[in-house]
C-alpha atoms as a PDB file:
ATOM      1  CA  MET A   1     -93.790  40.571 -27.606  1.00  0.00           C
ATOM      2  CA  LYS A   2     -94.218  36.764 -28.039  1.00  0.00           C
ATOM      3  CA  ASP A   3     -91.208  34.569 -28.075  1.00  0.00           C
ATOM      4  CA  LYS A   4     -90.931  32.729 -31.245  1.00  0.00           C
ATOM      5  CA  LYS A   5     -90.148  29.059 -30.925  1.00  0.00           C
ATOM      6  CA  ILE A   6     -87.618  27.994 -32.912  1.00  0.00           C
ATOM      7  CA  TYR A   7     -88.069  24.630 -34.463  1.00  0.00           C
ATOM      8  CA  ILE A   8     -85.169  24.637 -37.005  1.00  0.00           C
ATOM      9  CA  ASP A   9     -81.712  25.938 -36.784  1.00  0.00           C
ATOM     10  CA  LYS A  10     -81.141  27.602 -40.125  1.00  0.00           C
ATOM     11  CA  GLU A  11     -77.433  27.044 -40.053  1.00  0.00           C
ATOM     12  CA  LYS A  12     -77.379  23.691 -39.344  1.00  0.00           C
ATOM     13  CA  PHE A  13     -80.343  23.179 -41.998  1.00  0.00           C
ATOM     14  CA  HIS A  14     -78.045  24.864 -44.718  1.00  0.00           C
ATOM     15  CA  LEU A  15     -75.485  22.998 -44.002  1.00  0.00           C
ATOM     16  CA  GLU A  16     -78.003  19.576 -43.925  1.00  0.00           C
ATOM     17  CA  LEU A  17     -79.002  20.661 -47.540  1.00  0.00           C
ATOM     18  CA  ILE A  18     -75.368  21.241 -48.787  1.00  0.00           C
ATOM     19  CA  LYS A  19     -74.340  17.485 -47.450  1.00  0.00           C
ATOM     20  CA  CYS A  20     -77.420  15.939 -49.380  1.00  0.00           C
ATOM     21  CA  LEU A  21     -76.947  18.558 -52.447  1.00  0.00           C
ATOM     22  CA  LYS A  22     -73.077  16.961 -52.272  1.00  0.00           C
ATOM     23  CA  THR A  23     -74.264  13.055 -51.962  1.00  0.00           C
ATOM     24  CA  GLY A  24     -77.241  13.686 -54.444  1.00  0.00           C
ATOM     25  CA  ARG A  25     -79.683  11.803 -51.629  1.00  0.00           C
ATOM     26  CA  MET A  26     -82.004  13.647 -49.257  1.00  0.00           C
ATOM     27  CA  SER A  27     -80.863  12.327 -45.617  1.00  0.00           C
ATOM     28  CA  GLU A  28     -82.899  11.328 -42.679  1.00  0.00           C
ATOM     29  CA  GLN A  29     -82.488  14.084 -41.011  1.00  0.00           C
ATOM     30  CA  PHE A  30     -83.308  16.181 -43.838  1.00  0.00           C
ATOM     31  CA  GLY A  31     -86.407  14.581 -44.509  1.00  0.00           C
ATOM     32  CA  LYS A  32     -87.980  15.037 -40.815  1.00  0.00           C
ATOM     33  CA  ASP A  33     -86.581  18.925 -41.127  1.00  0.00           C
ATOM     34  CA  VAL A  34     -89.052  19.033 -44.389  1.00  0.00           C
ATOM     35  CA  MET A  35     -91.918  17.260 -42.629  1.00  0.00           C
ATOM     36  CA  LEU A  36     -91.720  19.696 -39.804  1.00  0.00           C
ATOM     37  CA  ILE A  37     -91.646  22.960 -42.024  1.00  0.00           C
ATOM     38  CA  SER A  38     -94.774  21.489 -43.951  1.00  0.00           C
ATOM     39  CA  THR A  39     -96.333  20.529 -40.745  1.00  0.00           C
ATOM     40  CA  ASN A  40     -95.836  24.246 -39.286  1.00  0.00           C
ATOM     41  CA  LEU A  41     -96.718  25.896 -42.929  1.00  0.00           C
ATOM     42  CA  SER A  42    -100.323  23.876 -42.775  1.00  0.00           C
ATOM     43  CA  HIS A  43    -101.342  25.767 -39.676  1.00  0.00           C
ATOM     44  CA  LYS A  44    -101.590  29.203 -41.554  1.00  0.00           C
ATOM     45  CA  PHE A  45    -104.262  27.545 -43.626  1.00  0.00           C
ATOM     46  CA  LYS A  46    -107.924  27.077 -42.804  1.00  0.00           C
ATOM     47  CA  TYR A  47    -109.407  23.613 -43.896  1.00  0.00           C
ATOM     48  CA  SER A  48    -112.796  22.397 -44.073  1.00  0.00           C
ATOM     49  CA  ASP A  49    -111.887  18.883 -43.193  1.00  0.00           C
ATOM     50  CA  TYR A  50    -108.806  17.534 -41.493  1.00  0.00           C
ATOM     51  CA  ARG A  51    -108.193  15.232 -44.424  1.00  0.00           C
ATOM     52  CA  ASN A  52    -107.940  18.047 -47.085  1.00  0.00           C
ATOM     53  CA  LYS A  53    -104.779  19.531 -44.153  1.00  0.00           C
ATOM     54  CA  GLU A  54    -103.056  16.183 -44.449  1.00  0.00           C
ATOM     55  CA  ASP A  55    -103.264  16.013 -48.007  1.00  0.00           C
ATOM     56  CA  CYS A  56    -102.119  19.473 -48.024  1.00  0.00           C
ATOM     57  CA  ILE A  57     -99.071  18.678 -46.093  1.00  0.00           C
ATOM     58  CA  SER A  58     -98.294  15.657 -48.223  1.00  0.00           C
ATOM     59  CA  PHE A  59     -98.634  17.822 -51.527  1.00  0.00           C
ATOM     60  CA  GLY A  60     -95.989  20.377 -49.767  1.00  0.00           C
ATOM     61  CA  ILE A  61     -93.606  17.466 -48.750  1.00  0.00           C
ATOM     62  CA  LEU A  62     -93.745  16.197 -52.388  1.00  0.00           C
ATOM     63  CA  GLU A  63     -93.101  19.444 -54.147  1.00  0.00           C
ATOM     64  CA  VAL A  64     -89.626  19.664 -51.567  1.00  0.00           C
ATOM     65  CA  VAL A  65     -88.758  16.035 -52.841  1.00  0.00           C
ATOM     66  CA  LYS A  66     -89.140  17.094 -56.551  1.00  0.00           C
ATOM     67  CA  TYR A  67     -87.516  20.600 -56.201  1.00  0.00           C
ATOM     68  CA  TRP A  68     -85.049  20.381 -53.253  1.00  0.00           C
ATOM     69  CA  ASN A  69     -82.003  19.642 -55.464  1.00  0.00           C
ATOM     70  CA  LYS A  70     -82.573  22.731 -57.552  1.00  0.00           C
ATOM     71  CA  TYR A  71     -81.024  25.123 -54.695  1.00  0.00           C
ATOM     72  CA  ASP A  72     -77.851  27.249 -55.269  1.00  0.00           C
ATOM     73  CA  PRO A  73     -76.071  28.012 -52.167  1.00  0.00           C
ATOM     74  CA  GLU A  74     -73.855  30.636 -54.713  1.00  0.00           C
ATOM     75  CA  LYS A  75     -77.124  32.750 -55.037  1.00  0.00           C
ATOM     76  CA  SER A  76     -78.354  32.305 -51.533  1.00  0.00           C
ATOM     77  CA  ILE A  77     -77.219  31.054 -48.347  1.00  0.00           C
ATOM     78  CA  ASN A  78     -80.801  30.995 -46.828  1.00  0.00           C
ATOM     79  CA  ALA A  79     -81.853  27.471 -47.445  1.00  0.00           C
ATOM     80  CA  PHE A  80     -84.690  27.519 -44.710  1.00  0.00           C
ATOM     81  CA  ALA A  81     -86.521  29.932 -47.173  1.00  0.00           C
ATOM     82  CA  PHE A  82     -85.965  28.333 -50.105  1.00  0.00           C
ATOM     83  CA  ILE A  83     -87.551  24.950 -49.133  1.00  0.00           C
ATOM     84  CA  THR A  84     -90.011  26.818 -47.030  1.00  0.00           C
ATOM     85  CA  GLN A  85     -91.354  28.617 -50.049  1.00  0.00           C
ATOM     86  CA  ILE A  86     -91.303  25.520 -52.169  1.00  0.00           C
ATOM     87  CA  ALA A  87     -93.431  23.694 -49.217  1.00  0.00           C
ATOM     88  CA  LYS A  88     -95.659  26.745 -49.142  1.00  0.00           C
ATOM     89  CA  ASN A  89     -96.345  26.408 -52.954  1.00  0.00           C
ATOM     90  CA  GLY A  90     -96.858  23.080 -52.528  1.00  0.00           C
ATOM     91  CA  ILE A  91     -99.616  23.598 -50.073  1.00  0.00           C
ATOM     92  CA  ILE A  92    -101.125  25.832 -52.170  1.00  0.00           C
ATOM     93  CA  LYS A  93    -101.296  23.557 -55.213  1.00  0.00           C
ATOM     94  CA  GLY A  94    -102.737  20.937 -53.061  1.00  0.00           C
ATOM     95  CA  TYR A  95    -105.072  23.054 -51.592  1.00  0.00           C
ATOM     96  CA  THR A  96    -106.493  24.321 -55.182  1.00  0.00           C
ATOM     97  CA  ARG A  97    -106.264  20.679 -56.543  1.00  0.00           C
ATOM     98  CA  LEU A  98    -108.731  19.555 -54.085  1.00  0.00           C
ATOM     99  CA  GLN A  99    -110.867  22.600 -54.191  1.00  0.00           C
ATOM    100  CA  HIS A 100    -111.297  21.307 -57.839  1.00  0.00           C
ATOM    101  CA  TYR A 101    -112.122  17.791 -56.960  1.00  0.00           C
ATOM    102  CA  LYS A 102    -114.855  19.165 -54.421  1.00  0.00           C
ATOM    103  CA  SER A 103    -116.432  21.199 -57.056  1.00  0.00           C
ATOM    104  CA  VAL A 104    -116.061  18.063 -59.562  1.00  0.00           C
ATOM    105  CA  ASP A 105    -117.870  15.760 -57.068  1.00  0.00           C
ATOM    106  CA  THR A 106    -120.424  18.430 -56.308  1.00  0.00           C
ATOM    107  CA  VAL A 107    -121.379  19.163 -59.839  1.00  0.00           C
ATOM    108  CA  TYR A 108    -121.239  15.292 -60.462  1.00  0.00           C
ATOM    109  CA  ILE A 109    -123.596  15.013 -57.501  1.00  0.00           C
ATOM    110  CA  ASP A 110    -126.047  17.672 -58.512  1.00  0.00           C
ATOM    111  CA  ILE A 111    -126.557  16.042 -62.318  1.00  0.00           C
ATOM    112  CA  PHE A 112    -127.249  12.571 -60.758  1.00  0.00           C
ATOM    113  CA  SER A 113    -129.602  13.891 -58.286  1.00  0.00           C
ATOM    114  CA  LEU A 114    -132.063  15.695 -60.645  1.00  0.00           C
ATOM    115  CA  GLU A 115    -132.951  12.250 -62.011  1.00  0.00           C
END
C-alpha cells in the first residue's frame, strides 16, 4: 500500500483555525495551508488548459476566504475536512463557470464566422 504524504497536520490546522476565529482574521499560516489544500485538490481534476487549472485553484481559495468563519468547533473537530470541502466546492464552481464562458465564446465565434 502506498504511504500517503501528510502535507497538513489536522490538529495544528484545527488549532490555527480556532485562533483565527477568535481574532476574526485569517493568519498567514492559515492562508498558506488553504493555498496548499486548494493546490493539492486541483490535481484530482482534469483541465483542458493550465490557465483553467490556476483559475479553479483561485476559485477554491476565494470560497474558503468567503466561508472560513462559518466553522463551528462545537459541531465538529475536523476543520481540515470542512475547509477541504469548501475549497473543493469552489474549484467545481470555478470549473463550471469557466466551461459556461467557454461555450459562450464558442457560440459568439460561430455566430460571427457565419457572416
